[in-house]
Protein backbone atom coordinates (compact mmCIF):
# COMPACT_ATOMS: atom_id res chain seq x y z
CA MET A 1 -14.57 -0.30 -0.03
CA THR A 2 -15.64 3.32 0.38
CA VAL A 3 -16.87 5.55 -2.42
CA VAL A 4 -15.74 9.17 -2.13
CA ASP A 5 -18.18 11.75 -3.48
CA LEU A 6 -16.04 14.79 -4.29
CA HIS A 7 -18.96 17.23 -4.42
CA GLU A 8 -20.26 15.99 -1.06
CA LYS A 9 -16.82 16.33 0.56
CA LEU A 10 -16.38 19.82 -0.91
CA SER A 11 -19.75 20.87 0.54
CA LEU A 12 -18.51 20.16 4.07
CA PHE A 13 -16.18 23.18 4.32
CA SER A 14 -15.82 26.73 3.03
CA ASP A 15 -12.26 27.77 3.86
CA HIS A 16 -9.84 28.46 1.01
CA TRP A 17 -6.31 27.16 0.48
CA SER A 18 -6.72 24.47 3.15
CA PRO A 19 -6.57 20.99 1.56
CA LYS A 20 -8.53 18.14 3.16
CA VAL A 21 -7.49 14.50 2.75
CA VAL A 22 -10.37 12.39 1.41
CA ALA A 23 -8.50 9.21 0.41
CA ARG A 24 -5.11 7.56 0.51
CA MET A 25 -3.42 5.54 -2.21
CA ASN A 26 -0.19 3.82 -1.24
CA ASP A 27 1.93 6.69 0.14
CA TYR A 28 -0.17 9.38 -1.56
CA ASP A 29 -2.94 11.63 -0.27
CA VAL A 30 -5.93 12.54 -2.41
CA LYS A 31 -7.07 15.98 -1.21
CA VAL A 32 -9.96 18.31 -1.99
CA VAL A 33 -9.45 22.04 -1.74
CA LYS A 34 -11.27 25.28 -2.41
CA LEU A 35 -9.21 28.08 -3.94
CA GLN A 36 -9.90 31.77 -4.36
CA GLY A 37 -7.56 34.66 -4.99
CA GLU A 38 -3.80 34.40 -5.42
CA PHE A 39 -1.69 31.91 -3.49
CA THR A 40 2.03 32.01 -2.71
CA TRP A 41 4.85 31.38 -5.18
CA HIS A 42 6.45 28.12 -4.09
CA ALA A 43 8.00 24.85 -5.26
CA HIS A 44 8.05 21.28 -4.04
CA ASP A 45 11.64 20.11 -4.44
CA ASP A 46 10.93 16.40 -3.87
CA THR A 47 7.64 15.77 -5.66
CA ASP A 48 5.36 16.57 -8.57
CA GLU A 49 1.95 18.05 -7.70
CA LEU A 50 -1.27 17.17 -9.55
CA PHE A 51 -4.11 19.71 -9.81
CA LEU A 52 -7.49 18.44 -11.10
CA VAL A 53 -10.18 21.13 -11.37
CA VAL A 54 -13.65 19.97 -10.33
CA ASP A 55 -15.44 23.35 -10.63
CA GLY A 56 -14.31 26.78 -11.75
CA GLU A 57 -11.23 28.04 -13.58
CA LEU A 58 -7.71 27.89 -12.16
CA THR A 59 -4.61 29.55 -13.51
CA ILE A 60 -1.26 28.17 -12.45
CA GLN A 61 1.42 30.78 -12.97
CA LEU A 62 4.79 29.37 -13.96
CA ARG A 63 7.98 31.31 -14.64
CA ASP A 64 7.76 30.18 -18.32
CA GLY A 65 4.06 31.02 -18.80
CA ASP A 66 0.64 30.31 -17.36
CA VAL A 67 -1.49 27.17 -17.51
CA THR A 68 -5.26 27.64 -17.29
CA LEU A 69 -7.52 24.76 -16.27
CA THR A 70 -11.29 24.41 -16.31
CA ALA A 71 -13.57 21.72 -14.85
CA GLY A 72 -12.40 18.25 -15.83
CA GLN A 73 -8.85 19.31 -16.69
CA LEU A 74 -5.66 18.51 -14.81
CA TYR A 75 -2.05 19.60 -14.84
CA VAL A 76 1.02 18.17 -13.13
CA VAL A 77 3.51 20.71 -11.85
CA PRO A 78 6.91 19.00 -12.05
CA ARG A 79 9.03 18.75 -8.92
CA GLY A 80 11.17 21.78 -8.26
CA VAL A 81 9.14 24.09 -10.55
CA ALA A 82 8.06 27.36 -8.93
CA HIS A 83 4.35 27.99 -9.34
CA CYS A 84 1.58 30.21 -8.02
CA PRO A 85 -2.09 29.21 -8.35
CA ILE A 86 -4.65 31.98 -8.95
CA ALA A 87 -8.43 31.65 -8.88
CA GLU A 88 -10.47 34.71 -9.88
CA GLY A 89 -13.66 33.06 -8.63
CA GLU A 90 -13.98 30.10 -6.30
CA VAL A 91 -12.42 26.90 -7.62
CA SER A 92 -12.87 23.37 -6.30
CA ALA A 93 -9.99 21.04 -7.03
CA VAL A 94 -8.41 17.70 -6.23
CA LEU A 95 -4.71 17.47 -5.38
CA ILE A 96 -2.73 14.23 -5.47
CA GLU A 97 0.65 14.25 -3.77
CA PRO A 98 2.75 12.19 -1.36
CA ALA A 99 1.45 12.10 2.21
CA GLY A 100 2.77 14.95 4.32
CA VAL A 101 3.47 17.42 1.51
CA VAL A 102 3.03 20.98 2.79
CA ASN A 103 0.80 23.16 0.60
CA THR A 104 3.23 26.11 0.60
CA GLY A 105 6.22 23.93 -0.29
CA ASP A 106 9.53 25.71 0.22
CA ALA A 107 7.88 29.11 0.88
CA GLY A 108 6.19 28.47 4.24
CA GLY A 109 4.33 31.42 5.70
CA GLU A 110 0.85 32.25 6.95
CA ARG A 111 -0.95 30.23 4.27
CA THR A 112 0.66 26.96 5.37
CA ALA A 113 -2.25 24.64 6.11
CA THR A 114 -2.29 22.08 8.89
CA TYR A 115 -2.66 18.43 7.87
CA ASP A 116 -6.39 17.73 7.80
CA ASP A 117 -7.73 14.20 7.33
CA THR A 118 -11.01 14.75 9.20
CA LEU A 119 -13.23 14.33 6.13
């Protein structure tokens, strides 16, 4: 049994929009990520995506309106729903999604992160 300290894991890197796997649960990855600025509009056609804010304030733009999260709050973006995260200041968050999900979903592009389970 291994305890994962989210703040300790988040202190090990500084890059933004590059999720790091810190635990696995069944076929799901638990990832930590630092966010700043505006990401890419995208969707995940085959899965929901959970955002849990650890520190900071995150806005998730949706076509039907925005969702704003602060520390301790979470939101699940339903599968197939286009969304675009925005962080005015730096945000630390946890993502829970099936193993192998690409951060840019159907959009691809230069912000596509490589799979990182080194933490």
